[in-house]
């Protein structure tokens, strides 16, 4: 999953958030690369790693907030999704 902003006139990537998640059943691994352009000549880059043990704990930096803030409609791998029922507003 990810998001990229590319400047056509400058021919370069302005902002980038790209990540990979792997669900192994009892653990989830996440790696996220974030690049934010600060000025015409400088940019900040960072790599976030996280290992989550299902039902126990998370180790490493927190890429979940970065993904949730920057990638539209991003959802955690194990987030329960309850679509609205067609009978919800039934009288």
PDB file of N, CA and C in Angstrom:
ATOM      1  N   UNK A   1       0.847  -1.156   0.000  1.00  0.00           N
ATOM      2  CA  UNK A   1       0.000   0.000   0.000  1.00  0.00           C
ATOM      3  C   UNK A   1       0.894   1.219   0.000  1.00  0.00           C
ATOM      4  N   UNK A   2       0.350   2.336  -0.454  1.00  0.00           N
ATOM      5  CA  UNK A   2       1.156   3.535  -0.445  1.00  0.00           C
ATOM      6  C   UNK A   2       0.489   4.709  -1.125  1.00  0.00           C
ATOM      7  N   UNK A   3       1.253   5.807  -1.172  1.00  0.00           N
ATOM      8  CA  UNK A   3       0.819   7.042  -1.815  1.00  0.00           C
ATOM      9  C   UNK A   3       2.065   7.753  -2.312  1.00  0.00           C
ATOM     10  N   UNK A   4       1.968   8.336  -3.492  1.00  0.00           N
ATOM     11  CA  UNK A   4       3.109   9.051  -4.047  1.00  0.00           C
ATOM     12  C   UNK A   4       2.630  10.365  -4.663  1.00  0.00           C
ATOM     13  N   UNK A   5       3.393  11.432  -4.440  1.00  0.00           N
ATOM     14  CA  UNK A   5       3.163  12.730  -5.083  1.00  0.00           C
ATOM     15  C   UNK A   5       4.379  13.015  -5.949  1.00  0.00           C
ATOM     16  N   UNK A   6       4.140  13.179  -7.240  1.00  0.00           N
ATOM     17  CA  UNK A   6       5.218  13.388  -8.191  1.00  0.00           C
ATOM     18  C   UNK A   6       5.062  14.759  -8.832  1.00  0.00           C
ATOM     19  N   UNK A   7       6.145  15.517  -8.902  1.00  0.00           N
ATOM     20  CA  UNK A   7       6.141  16.834  -9.528  1.00  0.00           C
ATOM     21  C   UNK A   7       6.571  16.677 -10.987  1.00  0.00           C
ATOM     22  N   UNK A   8       5.646  16.909 -11.911  1.00  0.00           N
ATOM     23  CA  UNK A   8       5.952  16.773 -13.341  1.00  0.00           C
ATOM     24  C   UNK A   8       6.934  17.851 -13.794  1.00  0.00           C
ATOM     25  N   UNK A   9       6.740  19.149 -13.426  1.00  0.00           N
ATOM     26  CA  UNK A   9       7.704  20.163 -13.875  1.00  0.00           C
ATOM     27  C   UNK A   9       9.127  19.917 -13.349  1.00  0.00           C
ATOM     28  N   UNK A  10       9.238  19.440 -12.100  1.00  0.00           N
ATOM     29  CA  UNK A  10      10.562  19.202 -11.518  1.00  0.00           C
ATOM     30  C   UNK A  10      11.101  17.811 -11.837  1.00  0.00           C
ATOM     31  N   UNK A  11      10.229  16.924 -12.319  1.00  0.00           N
ATOM     32  CA  UNK A  11      10.593  15.548 -12.656  1.00  0.00           C
ATOM     33  C   UNK A  11      11.204  14.801 -11.469  1.00  0.00           C
ATOM     34  N   UNK A  12      10.524  14.886 -10.328  1.00  0.00           N
ATOM     35  CA  UNK A  12      10.999  14.162  -9.151  1.00  0.00           C
ATOM     36  C   UNK A  12       9.847  13.860  -8.204  1.00  0.00           C
ATOM     37  N   UNK A  13      10.073  12.904  -7.326  1.00  0.00           N
ATOM     38  CA  UNK A  13       9.101  12.526  -6.316  1.00  0.00           C
ATOM     39  C   UNK A  13       9.143  13.566  -5.199  1.00  0.00           C
ATOM     40  N   UNK A  14       7.989  14.120  -4.869  1.00  0.00           N
ATOM     41  CA  UNK A  14       7.915  15.127  -3.809  1.00  0.00           C
ATOM     42  C   UNK A  14       7.667  14.438  -2.464  1.00  0.00           C
ATOM     43  N   UNK A  15       6.613  13.647  -2.370  1.00  0.00           N
ATOM     44  CA  UNK A  15       6.286  12.920  -1.148  1.00  0.00           C
ATOM     45  C   UNK A  15       6.004  11.467  -1.500  1.00  0.00           C
ATOM     46  N   UNK A  16       6.430  10.573  -0.609  1.00  0.00           N
ATOM     47  CA  UNK A  16       6.226   9.145  -0.835  1.00  0.00           C
ATOM     48  C   UNK A  16       5.991   8.454   0.499  1.00  0.00           C
ATOM     49  N   UNK A  17       4.957   7.641   0.560  1.00  0.00           N
ATOM     50  CA  UNK A  17       4.720   6.746   1.685  1.00  0.00           C
ATOM     51  C   UNK A  17       4.386   5.396   1.068  1.00  0.00           C
ATOM     52  N   UNK A  18       5.244   4.417   1.289  1.00  0.00           N
ATOM     53  CA  UNK A  18       5.035   3.086   0.722  1.00  0.00           C
ATOM     54  C   UNK A  18       5.303   2.054   1.803  1.00  0.00           C
ATOM     55  N   UNK A  19       4.459   1.031   1.857  1.00  0.00           N
ATOM     56  CA  UNK A  19       4.622   0.040   2.908  1.00  0.00           C
ATOM     57  C   UNK A  19       4.270  -1.358   2.443  1.00  0.00           C
ATOM     58  N   UNK A  20       4.694  -2.299   3.260  1.00  0.00           N
ATOM     59  CA  UNK A  20       4.437  -3.714   3.026  1.00  0.00           C
ATOM     60  C   UNK A  20       4.047  -4.339   4.352  1.00  0.00           C
ATOM     61  N   UNK A  21       2.978  -5.140   4.339  1.00  0.00           N
ATOM     62  CA  UNK A  21       2.543  -5.858   5.537  1.00  0.00           C
ATOM     63  C   UNK A  21       2.453  -7.342   5.213  1.00  0.00           C
ATOM     64  N   UNK A  22       2.826  -8.155   6.187  1.00  0.00           N
ATOM     65  CA  UNK A  22       2.723  -9.601   6.031  1.00  0.00           C
ATOM     66  C   UNK A  22       2.064 -10.186   7.275  1.00  0.00           C
ATOM     67  N   UNK A  23       0.977 -10.929   7.079  1.00  0.00           N
ATOM     68  CA  UNK A  23       0.242 -11.555   8.171  1.00  0.00           C
ATOM     69  C   UNK A  23       0.568 -13.039   8.163  1.00  0.00           C
ATOM     70  N   UNK A  24       1.276 -13.504   9.192  1.00  0.00           N
ATOM     71  CA  UNK A  24       1.669 -14.907   9.290  1.00  0.00           C
ATOM     72  C   UNK A  24       0.765 -15.697  10.225  1.00  0.00           C
ATOM     73  N   UNK A  25      -0.353 -15.135  10.616  1.00  0.00           N
ATOM     74  CA  UNK A  25      -1.276 -15.828  11.504  1.00  0.00           C
ATOM     75  C   UNK A  25      -1.069 -15.448  12.955  1.00  0.00           C
ATOM     76  N   UNK A  26       0.092 -15.780  13.516  1.00  0.00           N
ATOM     77  CA  UNK A  26       0.349 -15.447  14.918  1.00  0.00           C
ATOM     78  C   UNK A  26       1.150 -14.143  15.058  1.00  0.00           C
ATOM     79  N   UNK A  27       1.664 -13.611  13.949  1.00  0.00           N
ATOM     80  CA  UNK A  27       2.378 -12.335  13.985  1.00  0.00           C
ATOM     81  C   UNK A  27       2.160 -11.589  12.668  1.00  0.00           C
ATOM     82  N   UNK A  28       2.352 -10.268  12.721  1.00  0.00           N
ATOM     83  CA  UNK A  28       2.264  -9.413  11.534  1.00  0.00           C
ATOM     84  C   UNK A  28       3.535  -8.579  11.472  1.00  0.00           C
ATOM     85  N   UNK A  29       4.157  -8.533  10.310  1.00  0.00           N
ATOM     86  CA  UNK A  29       5.341  -7.703  10.097  1.00  0.00           C
ATOM     87  C   UNK A  29       5.004  -6.537   9.182  1.00  0.00           C
ATOM     88  N   UNK A  30       5.532  -5.350   9.499  1.00  0.00           N
ATOM     89  CA  UNK A  30       5.289  -4.153   8.691  1.00  0.00           C
ATOM     90  C   UNK A  30       6.592  -3.415   8.434  1.00  0.00           C
ATOM     91  N   UNK A  31       6.753  -2.931   7.201  1.00  0.00           N
ATOM     92  CA  UNK A  31       7.885  -2.084   6.826  1.00  0.00           C
ATOM     93  C   UNK A  31       7.303  -0.922   6.029  1.00  0.00           C
ATOM     94  N   UNK A  32       7.630   0.310   6.406  1.00  0.00           N
ATOM     95  CA  UNK A  32       7.114   1.501   5.726  1.00  0.00           C
ATOM     96  C   UNK A  32       8.277   2.445   5.432  1.00  0.00           C
ATOM     97  N   UNK A  33       8.328   2.947   4.192  1.00  0.00           N
ATOM     98  CA  UNK A  33       9.301   3.948   3.785  1.00  0.00           C
ATOM     99  C   UNK A  33       8.557   5.262   3.608  1.00  0.00           C
ATOM    100  N   UNK A  34       9.059   6.312   4.247  1.00  0.00           N
ATOM    101  CA  UNK A  34       8.432   7.636   4.154  1.00  0.00           C
ATOM    102  C   UNK A  34       9.472   8.642   3.693  1.00  0.00           C
ATOM    103  N   UNK A  35       9.135   9.431   2.664  1.00  0.00           N
ATOM    104  CA  UNK A  35      10.013  10.481   2.157  1.00  0.00           C
ATOM    105  C   UNK A  35       9.202  11.748   2.037  1.00  0.00           C
ATOM    106  N   UNK A  36       9.604  12.794   2.749  1.00  0.00           N
ATOM    107  CA  UNK A  36       8.894  14.073   2.737  1.00  0.00           C
ATOM    108  C   UNK A  36       9.840  15.175   2.277  1.00  0.00           C
ATOM    109  N   UNK A  37       9.462  15.900   1.241  1.00  0.00           N
ATOM    110  CA  UNK A  37      10.265  16.991   0.695  1.00  0.00           C
ATOM    111  C   UNK A  37      10.121  18.206   1.598  1.00  0.00           C
ATOM    112  N   UNK A  38      11.221  18.743   2.110  1.00  0.00           N
ATOM    113  CA  UNK A  38      11.205  19.903   3.000  1.00  0.00           C
ATOM    114  C   UNK A  38      11.456  21.212   2.255  1.00  0.00           C
ATOM    115  N   UNK A  39      12.323  21.179   1.260  1.00  0.00           N
ATOM    116  CA  UNK A  39      12.604  22.352   0.430  1.00  0.00           C
ATOM    117  C   UNK A  39      13.027  21.848  -0.947  1.00  0.00           C
ATOM    118  N   UNK A  40      13.416  22.752  -1.819  1.00  0.00           N
ATOM    119  CA  UNK A  40      13.783  22.353  -3.179  1.00  0.00           C
ATOM    120  C   UNK A  40      15.007  21.440  -3.203  1.00  0.00           C
ATOM    121  N   UNK A  41      15.841  21.527  -2.170  1.00  0.00           N
ATOM    122  CA  UNK A  41      17.074  20.744  -2.189  1.00  0.00           C
ATOM    123  C   UNK A  41      17.198  19.712  -1.069  1.00  0.00           C
ATOM    124  N   UNK A  42      16.241  19.666  -0.138  1.00  0.00           N
ATOM    125  CA  UNK A  42      16.372  18.712   0.967  1.00  0.00           C
ATOM    126  C   UNK A  42      15.075  17.951   1.209  1.00  0.00           C
ATOM    127  N   UNK A  43      15.246  16.721   1.684  1.00  0.00           N
ATOM    128  CA  UNK A  43      14.100  15.868   1.994  1.00  0.00           C
ATOM    129  C   UNK A  43      14.444  15.010   3.202  1.00  0.00           C
ATOM    130  N   UNK A  44      13.429  14.650   3.967  1.00  0.00           N
ATOM    131  CA  UNK A  44      13.597  13.737   5.101  1.00  0.00           C
ATOM    132  C   UNK A  44      13.112  12.359   4.685  1.00  0.00           C
ATOM    133  N   UNK A  45      13.897  11.350   5.032  1.00  0.00           N
ATOM    134  CA  UNK A  45      13.527   9.977   4.724  1.00  0.00           C
ATOM    135  C   UNK A  45      13.654   9.151   5.992  1.00  0.00           C
ATOM    136  N   UNK A  46      12.737   8.186   6.144  1.00  0.00           N
ATOM    137  CA  UNK A  46      12.841   7.273   7.272  1.00  0.00           C
ATOM    138  C   UNK A  46      12.188   5.939   6.912  1.00  0.00           C
ATOM    139  N   UNK A  47      12.671   4.913   7.559  1.00  0.00           N
ATOM    140  CA  UNK A  47      12.125   3.576   7.399  1.00  0.00           C
ATOM    141  C   UNK A  47      11.589   3.146   8.760  1.00  0.00           C
ATOM    142  N   UNK A  48      10.350   2.672   8.787  1.00  0.00           N
ATOM    143  CA  UNK A  48       9.700   2.238  10.017  1.00  0.00           C
ATOM    144  C   UNK A  48       9.480   0.729   9.959  1.00  0.00           C
ATOM    145  N   UNK A  49       9.889   0.026  11.008  1.00  0.00           N
ATOM    146  CA  UNK A  49       9.693  -1.416  11.115  1.00  0.00           C
ATOM    147  C   UNK A  49       8.815  -1.699  12.322  1.00  0.00           C
ATOM    148  N   UNK A  50       7.961  -2.711  12.194  1.00  0.00           N
ATOM    149  CA  UNK A  50       7.150  -3.117  13.344  1.00  0.00           C
ATOM    150  C   UNK A  50       6.853  -4.610  13.249  1.00  0.00           C
ATOM    151  N   UNK A  51       6.926  -5.257  14.392  1.00  0.00           N
ATOM    152  CA  UNK A  51       6.549  -6.655  14.518  1.00  0.00           C
ATOM    153  C   UNK A  51       5.445  -6.726  15.559  1.00  0.00           C
ATOM    154  N   UNK A  52       4.281  -7.255  15.163  1.00  0.00           N
ATOM    155  CA  UNK A  52       3.129  -7.340  16.053  1.00  0.00           C
ATOM    156  C   UNK A  52       2.820  -8.804  16.329  1.00  0.00           C
ATOM    157  N   UNK A  53       2.809  -9.161  17.604  1.00  0.00           N
ATOM    158  CA  UNK A  53       2.420 -10.504  18.010  1.00  0.00           C
ATOM    159  C   UNK A  53       0.927 -10.477  18.306  1.00  0.00           C
ATOM    160  N   UNK A  54       0.166 -11.273  17.596  1.00  0.00           N
ATOM    161  CA  UNK A  54      -1.299 -11.232  17.662  1.00  0.00           C
ATOM    162  C   UNK A  54      -1.806 -11.418  19.084  1.00  0.00           C
ATOM    163  N   UNK A  55      -2.591 -10.446  19.543  1.00  0.00           N
ATOM    164  CA  UNK A  55      -3.187 -10.493  20.863  1.00  0.00           C
ATOM    165  C   UNK A  55      -2.229 -10.241  21.999  1.00  0.00           C
ATOM    166  N   UNK A  56      -0.989  -9.813  21.690  1.00  0.00           N
ATOM    167  CA  UNK A  56      -0.009  -9.628  22.756  1.00  0.00           C
ATOM    168  C   UNK A  56       0.591  -8.227  22.747  1.00  0.00           C
ATOM    169  N   UNK A  57       1.464  -7.938  21.792  1.00  0.00           N
ATOM    170  CA  UNK A  57       2.184  -6.674  21.832  1.00  0.00           C
ATOM    171  C   UNK A  57       2.739  -6.325  20.458  1.00  0.00           C
ATOM    172  N   UNK A  58       3.214  -5.078  20.334  1.00  0.00           N
ATOM    173  CA  UNK A  58       3.879  -4.596  19.119  1.00  0.00           C
ATOM    174  C   UNK A  58       5.276  -4.122  19.485  1.00  0.00           C
ATOM    175  N   UNK A  59       6.244  -4.466  18.642  1.00  0.00           N
ATOM    176  CA  UNK A  59       7.632  -4.044  18.837  1.00  0.00           C
ATOM    177  C   UNK A  59       8.059  -3.177  17.659  1.00  0.00           C
ATOM    178  N   UNK A  60       8.814  -2.120  17.929  1.00  0.00           N
ATOM    179  CA  UNK A  60       9.339  -1.266  16.866  1.00  0.00           C
ATOM    180  C   UNK A  60       8.615   0.062  16.807  1.00  0.00           C
ATOM    181  N   UNK A  61       8.989   0.844  15.789  1.00  0.00           N
ATOM    182  CA  UNK A  61       8.354   2.145  15.600  1.00  0.00           C
ATOM    183  C   UNK A  61       6.917   1.946  15.143  1.00  0.00           C
ATOM    184  N   UNK A  62       6.126   3.008  15.122  1.00  0.00           N
ATOM    185  CA  UNK A  62       4.703   2.886  14.825  1.00  0.00           C
ATOM    186  C   UNK A  62       4.384   3.357  13.411  1.00  0.00           C
ATOM    187  N   UNK A  63       4.435   2.474  12.416  1.00  0.00           N
ATOM    188  CA  UNK A  63       4.076   2.878  11.060  1.00  0.00           C
ATOM    189  C   UNK A  63       2.577   2.970  10.841  1.00  0.00           C
ATOM    190  N   UNK A  64       1.765   2.444  11.767  1.00  0.00           N
ATOM    191  CA  UNK A  64       0.320   2.442  11.585  1.00  0.00           C
ATOM    192  C   UNK A  64      -0.250   3.856  11.526  1.00  0.00           C
ATOM    193  N   UNK A  65       0.238   4.743  12.376  1.00  0.00           N
ATOM    194  CA  UNK A  65      -0.237   6.130  12.362  1.00  0.00           C
ATOM    195  C   UNK A  65       0.169   6.810  11.059  1.00  0.00           C
ATOM    196  N   UNK A  66       1.381   6.580  10.590  1.00  0.00           N
ATOM    197  CA  UNK A  66       1.847   7.158   9.335  1.00  0.00           C
ATOM    198  C   UNK A  66       0.977   6.679   8.174  1.00  0.00           C
ATOM    199  N   UNK A  67       0.676   5.387   8.135  1.00  0.00           N
ATOM    200  CA  UNK A  67      -0.157   4.852   7.065  1.00  0.00           C
ATOM    201  C   UNK A  67      -1.583   5.394   7.142  1.00  0.00           C
ATOM    202  N   UNK A  68      -2.151   5.416   8.341  1.00  0.00           N
ATOM    203  CA  UNK A  68      -3.531   5.893   8.520  1.00  0.00           C
ATOM    204  C   UNK A  68      -3.652   7.371   8.124  1.00  0.00           C
ATOM    205  N   UNK A  69      -2.628   8.182   8.434  1.00  0.00           N
ATOM    206  CA  UNK A  69      -2.661   9.610   8.130  1.00  0.00           C
ATOM    207  C   UNK A  69      -2.424   9.917   6.654  1.00  0.00           C
ATOM    208  N   UNK A  70      -1.657   9.075   5.952  1.00  0.00           N
ATOM    209  CA  UNK A  70      -1.210   9.413   4.602  1.00  0.00           C
ATOM    210  C   UNK A  70      -1.799   8.581   3.473  1.00  0.00           C
ATOM    211  N   UNK A  71      -2.362   7.429   3.772  1.00  0.00           N
ATOM    212  CA  UNK A  71      -2.903   6.564   2.721  1.00  0.00           C
ATOM    213  C   UNK A  71      -4.430   6.542   2.852  1.00  0.00           C
ATOM    214  N   UNK A  72      -5.142   7.086   1.869  1.00  0.00           N
ATOM    215  CA  UNK A  72      -6.600   7.111   1.956  1.00  0.00           C
ATOM    216  C   UNK A  72      -7.188   5.702   2.058  1.00  0.00           C
ATOM    217  N   UNK A  73      -8.150   5.520   2.939  1.00  0.00           N
ATOM    218  CA  UNK A  73      -8.884   4.268   3.155  1.00  0.00           C
ATOM    219  C   UNK A  73      -8.001   3.119   3.636  1.00  0.00           C
ATOM    220  N   UNK A  74      -6.845   3.419   4.226  1.00  0.00           N
ATOM    221  CA  UNK A  74      -6.010   2.359   4.779  1.00  0.00           C
ATOM    222  C   UNK A  74      -6.696   1.765   6.006  1.00  0.00           C
ATOM    223  N   UNK A  75      -6.680   0.429   6.103  1.00  0.00           N
ATOM    224  CA  UNK A  75      -7.239  -0.274   7.259  1.00  0.00           C
ATOM    225  C   UNK A  75      -6.223  -1.297   7.733  1.00  0.00           C
ATOM    226  N   UNK A  76      -6.179  -1.500   9.045  1.00  0.00           N
ATOM    227  CA  UNK A  76      -5.300  -2.518   9.605  1.00  0.00           C
ATOM    228  C   UNK A  76      -5.684  -3.879   9.048  1.00  0.00           C
ATOM    229  N   UNK A  77      -4.721  -4.783   8.955  1.00  0.00           N
ATOM    230  CA  UNK A  77      -4.997  -6.102   8.397  1.00  0.00           C
ATOM    231  C   UNK A  77      -6.075  -6.861   9.149  1.00  0.00           C
ATOM    232  N   UNK A  78      -6.083  -6.745  10.447  1.00  0.00           N
ATOM    233  CA  UNK A  78      -7.044  -7.507  11.255  1.00  0.00           C
ATOM    234  C   UNK A  78      -8.171  -6.657  11.814  1.00  0.00           C
ATOM    235  N   UNK A  79      -8.419  -5.519  11.211  1.00  0.00           N
ATOM    236  CA  UNK A  79      -9.505  -4.657  11.658  1.00  0.00           C
ATOM    237  C   UNK A  79     -10.825  -5.263  11.201  1.00  0.00           C
ATOM    238  N   UNK A  80     -11.754  -5.422  12.129  1.00  0.00           N
ATOM    239  CA  UNK A  80     -13.062  -5.961  11.792  1.00  0.00           C
ATOM    240  C   UNK A  80     -13.856  -4.932  11.008  1.00  0.00           C
ATOM    241  N   UNK A  81     -14.367  -5.367   9.881  1.00  0.00           N
ATOM    242  CA  UNK A  81     -15.165  -4.491   9.038  1.00  0.00           C
ATOM    243  C   UNK A  81     -16.588  -5.028   9.043  1.00  0.00           C
ATOM    244  N   UNK A  82     -17.509  -4.232   9.514  1.00  0.00           N
ATOM    245  CA  UNK A  82     -18.914  -4.612   9.542  1.00  0.00           C
ATOM    246  C   UNK A  82     -19.661  -3.740   8.552  1.00  0.00           C
ATOM    247  N   UNK A  83     -19.884  -4.253   7.332  1.00  0.00           N
ATOM    248  CA  UNK A  83     -20.625  -3.437   6.366  1.00  0.00           C
ATOM    249  C   UNK A  83     -22.048  -3.222   6.852  1.00  0.00           C
ATOM    250  N   UNK A  84     -22.629  -2.086   6.503  1.00  0.00           N
ATOM    251  CA  UNK A  84     -23.989  -1.825   6.956  1.00  0.00           C
ATOM    252  C   UNK A  84     -24.955  -2.837   6.372  1.00  0.00           C
ATOM    253  N   UNK A  85     -25.888  -3.272   7.198  1.00  0.00           N
ATOM    254  CA  UNK A  85     -26.881  -4.236   6.759  1.00  0.00           C
ATOM    255  C   UNK A  85     -28.001  -3.526   6.001  1.00  0.00           C
ATOM    256  N   UNK A  86     -28.550  -4.181   5.013  1.00  0.00           N
ATOM    257  CA  UNK A  86     -29.653  -3.566   4.289  1.00  0.00           C
ATOM    258  C   UNK A  86     -30.917  -3.528   5.143  1.00  0.00           C
ATOM    259  N   UNK A  87     -30.928  -4.250   6.264  1.00  0.00           N
ATOM    260  CA  UNK A  87     -32.066  -4.270   7.165  1.00  0.00           C
ATOM    261  C   UNK A  87     -31.875  -3.333   8.360  1.00  0.00           C
ATOM    262  N   UNK A  88     -30.812  -2.551   8.359  1.00  0.00           N
ATOM    263  CA  UNK A  88     -30.483  -1.705   9.490  1.00  0.00           C
ATOM    264  C   UNK A  88     -31.557  -0.647   9.739  1.00  0.00           C
ATOM    265  N   UNK A  89     -32.094  -0.055   8.719  1.00  0.00           N
ATOM    266  CA  UNK A  89     -33.090   1.000   8.849  1.00  0.00           C
ATOM    267  C   UNK A  89     -34.508   0.476   8.582  1.00  0.00           C
ATOM    268  N   UNK A  90     -34.704  -0.821   8.708  1.00  0.00           N
ATOM    269  CA  UNK A  90     -35.990  -1.447   8.409  1.00  0.00           C
ATOM    270  C   UNK A  90     -36.983  -1.223   9.553  1.00  0.00           C
ATOM    271  N   UNK A  91     -38.170  -0.772   9.217  1.00  0.00           N
ATOM    272  CA  UNK A  91     -39.214  -0.554  10.220  1.00  0.00           C
ATOM    273  C   UNK A  91     -40.343  -1.548  10.047  1.00  0.00           C
TER     274      UNK A  91
END
